[in-house]
Amino acid sequence: MNDRLLDAHLVVRRDAFRLDISLRIDRGETVALLGPNGAGKTTALRALAGLTALSAGYLTLDGRDLGQVPPERRPIGVVFQDYLLFPHLSARDNVAFGPRRHGADRRSARAVADRWLERVGLAEYGRRKPRHLSGGQAQRVALARALAVDPVLLLLDEPLAALDARTRLETRAELGRHLAAHPGAALLVTHDPLDALVLADRLVIIESGQIVQEGDAATITARPRTDYVAQLVGLNLYRGHGTGHAVELAGGFTLATTDIVRGDAFVAFAPAAVALHRSQPDGSPRNAWKAVLADLQSHGDNMRIRLDGPISVAADVTPAAAAQLHLEPGQELWVAVKAAETRAYPAT
């Protein structure tokens, strides 16, 4: 049995921008589409929903060609970033709207709405208008509305972005349970790596309208292939030429590694792997160089340091270490990274 539900090649041309990506999602799978602002994430979602016309390509869902099917006739549910609940309708009638549009009578549609409101924990809120709901409650009503039409494909556009940190944590867990129970396919558009890692089975990363990397979270985080992906997963990333146990970077700077790599290659290491010293470190670590402290900021429980030199590098140090080093912008420091703390891998 083929479990592939979505098979699409989305090509959308708009002025100087061109989206050109292929998406495939299996039954029961949640895929996260990530990328920087302007990468084409929302354009892709709108193309799938039928709100933006394809310039070329194709779109099949559960074996059905949807290329010419209008939005209201597609077996697709959408949760928009701002939820877009109808302000004049109650939560119950917002959820019942989809079944009504699909031909259900008023009584049947409301019965479906009541069941979904109960499933999302809002059975007692059915009579409330959107203005009387919290952000988390509005998000759950929007999810119930999308699921009430039994969609083959569920599209979620930054569904947690409008929530505060505490509500986001609770709602993320709730959303995860519903996605796990959804029998169809789901596409989550987000810029938040935590939402993607927690909610998705697979990540697809796009930049400038093109897919630059895709795979499960372990693959993406272990081997980032662009600066955006490296920042997303919190790694320093450089591209150069592998010569065995070293990677030669632009300008003649070389990073030693315990991996063996030859030809076009990436080398990556975590900010926590970077050690800072006021003078040249003892023991002559294989990767050590002078740098200038360009910036320092709080980063969770640590300090995130940015250093300029032969290469730009981010380092994480504890507040105690920062105080001991008397860190301040413009300060000259020695940077050291153990070869065993780096990862090198082919760029092609």
Protein backbone atom coordinates (compact mmCIF):
# COMPACT_ATOMS: atom_id res chain seq x y z
CA MET A 1 0.00 0.00 0.00
CA ASN A 2 1.30 3.45 -0.93
CA ASP A 3 1.05 5.79 2.07
CA ARG A 4 1.98 8.89 0.05
CA LEU A 5 -0.83 11.43 0.41
CA LEU A 6 0.69 14.65 -0.89
CA ASP A 7 2.83 14.74 -4.02
CA ALA A 8 3.45 18.27 -5.25
CA HIS A 9 5.82 20.32 -7.34
CA LEU A 10 5.03 23.93 -6.51
CA VAL A 11 6.23 26.62 -8.89
CA VAL A 12 5.04 30.17 -8.23
CA ARG A 13 6.53 33.20 -9.97
CA ARG A 14 5.87 36.61 -8.47
CA ASP A 15 7.86 39.60 -9.76
CA ALA A 16 11.53 38.78 -9.10
CA PHE A 17 10.72 35.92 -6.67
CA ARG A 18 10.37 32.29 -7.76
CA LEU A 19 9.23 29.43 -5.55
CA ASP A 20 10.24 26.04 -6.96
CA ILE A 21 9.98 23.16 -4.49
CA SER A 22 8.83 19.54 -4.40
CA LEU A 23 6.88 18.34 -1.36
CA ARG A 24 5.88 14.80 -0.48
CA ILE A 25 4.07 13.88 2.73
CA ASP A 26 2.92 10.43 3.81
CA ARG A 27 -0.24 9.42 5.62
CA GLY A 28 0.05 10.23 9.33
CA GLU A 29 3.20 12.31 8.80
CA THR A 30 3.78 15.89 9.94
CA VAL A 31 6.34 17.87 7.96
CA ALA A 32 7.70 21.24 9.11
CA LEU A 33 8.55 23.82 6.46
CA LEU A 34 11.17 26.22 7.82
CA GLY A 35 13.07 29.14 6.38
CA PRO A 36 13.97 32.78 6.95
CA ASN A 37 11.54 35.60 6.22
CA GLY A 38 10.89 35.84 2.49
CA ALA A 39 11.98 32.25 1.80
CA GLY A 40 8.59 31.29 0.36
CA LYS A 41 7.02 29.35 3.24
CA THR A 42 3.66 31.13 3.22
CA THR A 43 3.60 31.18 -0.59
CA ALA A 44 3.94 27.38 -0.54
CA LEU A 45 1.11 27.04 1.97
CA ARG A 46 -1.15 29.35 -0.01
CA ALA A 47 -0.40 27.41 -3.20
CA LEU A 48 -1.38 24.15 -1.51
CA ALA A 49 -4.57 25.71 -0.16
CA GLY A 50 -5.47 27.07 -3.60
CA LEU A 51 -5.21 30.70 -2.47
CA THR A 52 -2.24 31.35 -4.78
CA ALA A 53 -2.24 29.94 -8.31
CA LEU A 54 0.60 27.74 -9.51
CA SER A 55 2.69 29.12 -12.37
CA ALA A 56 3.81 25.57 -13.19
CA GLY A 57 4.18 22.17 -11.55
CA TYR A 58 1.47 19.92 -10.15
CA LEU A 59 -0.44 19.12 -6.97
CA THR A 60 -1.96 15.73 -6.19
CA LEU A 61 -3.54 14.79 -2.88
CA ASP A 62 -4.57 11.21 -2.13
CA GLY A 63 -4.20 10.48 -5.85
CA ARG A 64 -6.45 13.37 -6.92
CA ASP A 65 -5.18 16.22 -9.11
CA LEU A 66 -6.03 19.48 -7.32
CA GLY A 67 -4.37 21.83 -9.78
CA GLN A 68 -7.65 23.36 -10.98
CA VAL A 69 -9.78 22.70 -7.90
CA PRO A 70 -10.93 25.88 -6.09
CA PRO A 71 -9.97 26.33 -2.41
CA GLU A 72 -13.42 25.57 -1.00
CA ARG A 73 -13.53 22.19 -2.75
CA ARG A 74 -10.11 20.97 -1.66
CA PRO A 75 -10.01 18.39 1.18
CA ILE A 76 -7.67 20.70 3.07
CA GLY A 77 -7.94 22.37 6.48
CA VAL A 78 -6.00 25.54 7.24
CA VAL A 79 -5.03 27.15 10.56
CA PHE A 80 -3.79 30.66 9.80
CA GLN A 81 -1.24 32.56 11.88
CA ASP A 82 -3.86 35.03 13.15
CA TYR A 83 -6.52 32.28 13.23
CA LEU A 84 -8.99 34.43 11.23
CA LEU A 85 -12.00 33.39 13.28
CA PHE A 86 -15.24 35.05 12.23
CA PRO A 87 -15.72 37.75 14.91
CA HIS A 88 -19.52 37.79 14.62
CA LEU A 89 -19.88 34.01 15.09
CA SER A 90 -19.65 31.99 18.29
CA ALA A 91 -16.87 29.43 18.71
CA ARG A 92 -19.45 26.74 17.95
CA ASP A 93 -20.57 28.36 14.70
CA ASN A 94 -16.99 29.07 13.67
CA VAL A 95 -16.26 25.35 13.88
CA ALA A 96 -19.57 24.48 12.21
CA PHE A 97 -18.82 26.77 9.27
CA GLY A 98 -16.73 24.19 7.39
CA PRO A 99 -19.24 21.33 7.61
CA ARG A 100 -22.01 23.75 6.54
CA ARG A 101 -19.98 24.76 3.47
CA HIS A 102 -19.56 21.06 2.68
CA GLY A 103 -23.33 20.53 2.62
CA ALA A 104 -24.23 19.56 6.19
CA ASP A 105 -27.46 20.97 7.60
CA ARG A 106 -27.31 23.37 10.56
CA ARG A 107 -28.11 20.76 13.18
CA SER A 108 -25.56 18.21 11.89
CA ALA A 109 -22.85 20.86 11.50
CA ARG A 110 -23.34 22.06 15.06
CA ALA A 111 -23.20 18.48 16.31
CA VAL A 112 -19.82 18.07 14.56
CA ALA A 113 -18.68 21.39 16.08
CA ASP A 114 -19.70 20.30 19.56
CA ARG A 115 -17.71 17.07 19.23
CA TRP A 116 -14.60 18.96 18.10
CA LEU A 117 -14.88 21.61 20.79
CA GLU A 118 -15.05 18.82 23.34
CA ARG A 119 -11.96 17.16 21.81
CA VAL A 120 -9.95 20.38 22.11
CA GLY A 121 -11.15 20.96 25.68
CA LEU A 122 -13.51 23.86 24.94
CA ALA A 123 -16.95 22.24 25.27
CA GLU A 124 -18.10 24.96 27.67
CA TYR A 125 -16.90 27.81 25.43
CA GLY A 126 -19.11 27.14 22.42
CA ARG A 127 -21.29 30.23 22.89
CA ARG A 128 -18.37 32.65 23.25
CA LYS A 129 -17.39 35.04 20.49
CA PRO A 130 -13.69 35.18 19.53
CA ARG A 131 -13.17 38.46 21.43
CA HIS A 132 -14.01 36.63 24.65
CA LEU A 133 -11.43 33.86 24.08
CA SER A 134 -7.79 33.85 25.16
CA GLY A 135 -5.07 33.41 22.55
CA GLY A 136 -4.68 29.73 23.37
CA GLN A 137 -8.43 29.16 23.25
CA ALA A 138 -8.72 30.94 19.89
CA GLN A 139 -5.93 28.76 18.52
CA ARG A 140 -7.78 25.61 19.60
CA VAL A 141 -11.03 26.84 18.04
CA ALA A 142 -9.15 27.50 14.78
CA LEU A 143 -7.67 23.99 14.93
CA ALA A 144 -11.10 22.48 15.60
CA ARG A 145 -12.54 24.44 12.65
CA ALA A 146 -9.80 23.10 10.37
CA LEU A 147 -10.24 19.50 11.54
CA ALA A 148 -14.06 19.56 11.47
CA VAL A 149 -14.07 19.00 7.69
CA ASP A 150 -11.99 15.78 8.02
CA PRO A 151 -9.15 17.18 5.89
CA VAL A 152 -6.81 14.88 4.02
CA LEU A 153 -4.17 17.60 4.42
CA LEU A 154 -3.90 19.94 7.41
CA LEU A 155 -1.96 23.19 6.87
CA LEU A 156 -0.75 25.21 9.84
CA ASP A 157 0.77 28.66 9.25
CA GLU A 158 2.82 29.72 12.30
CA PRO A 159 0.02 28.43 14.55
CA LEU A 160 1.77 29.32 17.83
CA ALA A 161 3.39 32.63 16.86
CA ALA A 162 0.68 34.83 18.38
CA LEU A 163 0.89 33.21 21.84
CA ASP A 164 2.87 34.27 24.89
CA ALA A 165 5.63 31.95 26.13
CA ARG A 166 3.57 30.13 28.79
CA THR A 167 0.50 29.64 26.60
CA ARG A 168 2.77 28.59 23.73
CA LEU A 169 4.27 25.78 25.81
CA GLU A 170 0.87 24.40 26.82
CA THR A 171 -0.66 24.81 23.37
CA ARG A 172 2.33 23.20 21.64
CA ALA A 173 1.79 20.05 23.72
CA GLU A 174 -1.93 20.10 22.95
CA LEU A 175 -1.29 20.62 19.24
CA GLY A 176 1.20 17.75 19.25
CA ARG A 177 -1.45 15.37 20.56
CA HIS A 178 -3.90 16.36 17.84
CA LEU A 179 -1.28 16.05 15.09
CA ALA A 180 -0.32 12.59 16.34
CA ALA A 181 -3.98 11.54 16.13
CA HIS A 182 -4.60 13.09 12.71
CA PRO A 183 -4.92 10.27 10.14
CA GLY A 184 -4.05 12.46 7.16
CA ALA A 185 -0.96 14.51 6.32
CA ALA A 186 0.05 17.77 7.97
CA LEU A 187 2.33 20.62 6.94
CA LEU A 188 3.54 23.02 9.63
CA VAL A 189 4.98 26.33 8.41
CA THR A 190 7.17 27.89 11.09
CA HIS A 191 10.32 29.87 11.76
CA ASP A 192 10.66 28.43 15.26
CA PRO A 193 13.04 25.44 15.41
CA LEU A 194 11.55 24.23 18.70
CA ASP A 195 8.05 24.03 17.21
CA ALA A 196 9.49 22.06 14.29
CA LEU A 197 11.57 19.70 16.42
CA VAL A 198 8.73 18.96 18.83
CA LEU A 199 5.84 18.69 16.37
CA ALA A 200 7.26 17.39 13.09
CA ASP A 201 8.46 14.00 11.89
CA ARG A 202 10.55 15.57 9.14
CA LEU A 203 11.96 19.01 8.35
CA VAL A 204 12.10 20.73 4.96
CA ILE A 205 14.16 23.93 4.91
CA ILE A 206 13.82 26.48 2.14
CA GLU A 207 15.77 29.61 1.30
CA SER A 208 15.07 31.97 -1.60
CA GLY A 209 12.32 29.70 -2.88
CA GLN A 210 14.47 26.55 -3.03
CA ILE A 211 14.85 23.51 -0.75
CA VAL A 212 18.34 23.61 0.77
CA GLN A 213 18.03 20.68 3.16
CA GLU A 214 15.51 18.10 4.32
CA GLY A 215 15.46 15.12 6.65
CA ASP A 216 14.70 14.15 10.21
CA ALA A 217 15.79 16.37 13.09
CA ALA A 218 18.88 14.28 13.90
CA THR A 219 20.17 14.53 10.32
CA ILE A 220 19.54 18.27 10.06
CA THR A 221 21.10 19.14 13.40
CA ALA A 222 24.14 16.92 12.85
CA ARG A 223 24.99 18.18 9.37
CA PRO A 224 23.73 21.69 8.57
CA ARG A 225 24.39 22.79 5.00
CA THR A 226 23.76 26.56 5.04
CA ASP A 227 24.42 29.42 7.45
CA TYR A 228 20.69 29.71 8.14
CA VAL A 229 20.43 26.05 9.12
CA ALA A 230 23.56 26.32 11.26
CA GLN A 231 22.09 29.29 13.13
CA LEU A 232 18.80 27.42 13.44
CA VAL A 233 20.48 24.50 15.23
CA GLY A 234 23.05 26.67 17.02
CA LEU A 235 26.33 25.70 15.34
CA ASN A 236 29.30 27.52 13.85
CA LEU A 237 29.55 26.40 10.22
CA TYR A 238 32.29 26.91 7.61
CA ARG A 239 32.81 25.65 4.08
CA GLY A 240 36.20 24.87 2.60
CA HIS A 241 38.40 22.17 1.09
CA GLY A 242 39.02 18.96 3.01
CA THR A 243 42.58 17.63 3.00
CA GLY A 244 42.19 14.64 5.27
CA HIS A 245 42.09 15.64 8.95
CA ALA A 246 41.75 19.36 8.13
CA VAL A 247 39.53 21.78 6.21
CA GLU A 248 41.16 24.75 4.49
CA LEU A 249 38.91 27.82 4.55
CA ALA A 250 38.98 31.00 2.48
CA GLY A 251 42.00 33.18 3.20
CA GLY A 252 44.23 30.23 4.01
CA PHE A 253 42.85 29.56 7.52
CA THR A 254 42.69 25.85 8.43
CA LEU A 255 40.60 23.99 10.99
CA ALA A 256 41.84 20.62 12.22
CA THR A 257 39.33 17.82 12.73
CA THR A 258 39.36 14.19 13.76
CA ASP A 259 37.09 13.34 10.80
CA ILE A 260 38.58 12.46 7.43
CA VAL A 261 37.18 14.54 4.58
CA ARG A 262 38.50 15.39 1.13
CA GLY A 263 37.29 17.90 -1.43
CA ASP A 264 34.43 20.37 -0.95
CA ALA A 265 33.51 20.10 2.74
CA PHE A 266 31.78 21.64 5.72
CA VAL A 267 33.18 21.82 9.23
CA ALA A 268 30.96 22.66 12.21
CA PHE A 269 31.23 23.00 15.97
CA ALA A 270 29.04 24.20 18.81
CA PRO A 271 29.55 27.57 20.53
CA ALA A 272 29.97 25.60 23.77
CA ALA A 273 33.06 23.92 22.24
CA VAL A 274 34.85 27.26 21.98
CA ALA A 275 37.28 28.09 24.81
CA LEU A 276 38.47 31.67 25.39
CA HIS A 277 41.82 32.69 26.90
CA ARG A 278 43.47 36.01 27.71
CA SER A 279 46.82 34.65 26.47
CA GLN A 280 47.94 31.83 24.18
CA PRO A 281 46.65 28.58 25.71
CA ASP A 282 49.04 25.97 27.03
CA GLY A 283 49.32 22.61 25.30
CA SER A 284 49.07 24.14 21.81
CA PRO A 285 45.57 22.93 20.86
CA ARG A 286 45.36 22.14 17.16
CA ASN A 287 42.86 24.95 16.59
CA ALA A 288 43.92 28.20 18.30
CA TRP A 289 43.93 31.76 16.98
CA LYS A 290 43.72 35.40 18.01
CA ALA A 291 40.37 37.17 17.74
CA VAL A 292 38.65 40.39 18.81
CA LEU A 293 35.47 40.35 20.89
CA ALA A 294 32.82 42.02 18.74
CA ASP A 295 29.69 41.53 20.83
CA LEU A 296 28.38 39.80 23.95
CA GLN A 297 24.78 39.15 24.98
CA SER A 298 22.84 37.04 27.44
CA HIS A 299 21.92 33.65 25.95
CA GLY A 300 19.84 31.55 28.32
CA ASP A 301 21.98 30.88 31.39
CA ASN A 302 25.20 31.74 29.53
CA MET A 303 26.76 34.61 27.60
CA ARG A 304 26.87 34.40 23.79
CA ILE A 305 30.12 35.94 22.53
CA ARG A 306 30.77 36.90 18.90
CA LEU A 307 34.41 37.12 17.87
CA ASP A 308 36.00 38.45 14.70
CA GLY A 309 39.33 37.26 13.35
CA PRO A 310 40.48 34.91 10.60
CA ILE A 311 36.94 33.50 10.91
CA SER A 312 33.85 34.86 12.68
CA VAL A 313 32.86 32.58 15.54
CA ALA A 314 30.20 32.39 18.27
CA ALA A 315 31.16 31.15 21.74
CA ASP A 316 29.11 30.38 24.83
CA VAL A 317 30.65 31.03 28.25
CA THR A 318 29.23 31.07 31.75
CA PRO A 319 28.72 34.43 33.49
CA ALA A 320 31.46 33.40 35.95
CA ALA A 321 33.93 32.75 33.14
CA ALA A 322 32.95 36.03 31.48
CA ALA A 323 33.61 37.91 34.71
CA GLN A 324 36.96 36.15 35.21
CA LEU A 325 38.04 37.10 31.68
CA HIS A 326 36.77 40.68 32.16
CA LEU A 327 35.11 40.47 28.77
CA GLU A 328 34.28 43.68 26.89
CA PRO A 329 33.88 44.65 23.21
CA GLY A 330 37.15 45.31 21.41
CA GLN A 331 39.12 42.99 23.70
CA GLU A 332 41.73 40.74 22.09
CA LEU A 333 41.47 37.08 23.09
CA TRP A 334 42.78 33.67 22.12
CA VAL A 335 40.19 31.22 20.78
CA ALA A 336 40.69 27.46 21.03
CA VAL A 337 38.60 24.58 19.68
CA LYS A 338 39.65 20.95 20.11
CA ALA A 339 39.79 18.98 16.87
CA ALA A 340 37.65 16.30 18.53
CA GLU A 341 34.88 18.90 19.11
CA THR A 342 34.48 19.57 15.36
CA ARG A 343 32.47 17.67 12.77
CA ALA A 344 33.57 17.64 9.13
CA TYR A 345 31.53 16.19 6.26
CA PRO A 346 31.26 16.44 2.47
CA ALA A 347 29.49 19.49 1.05
CA THR A 348 28.18 17.59 -1.96
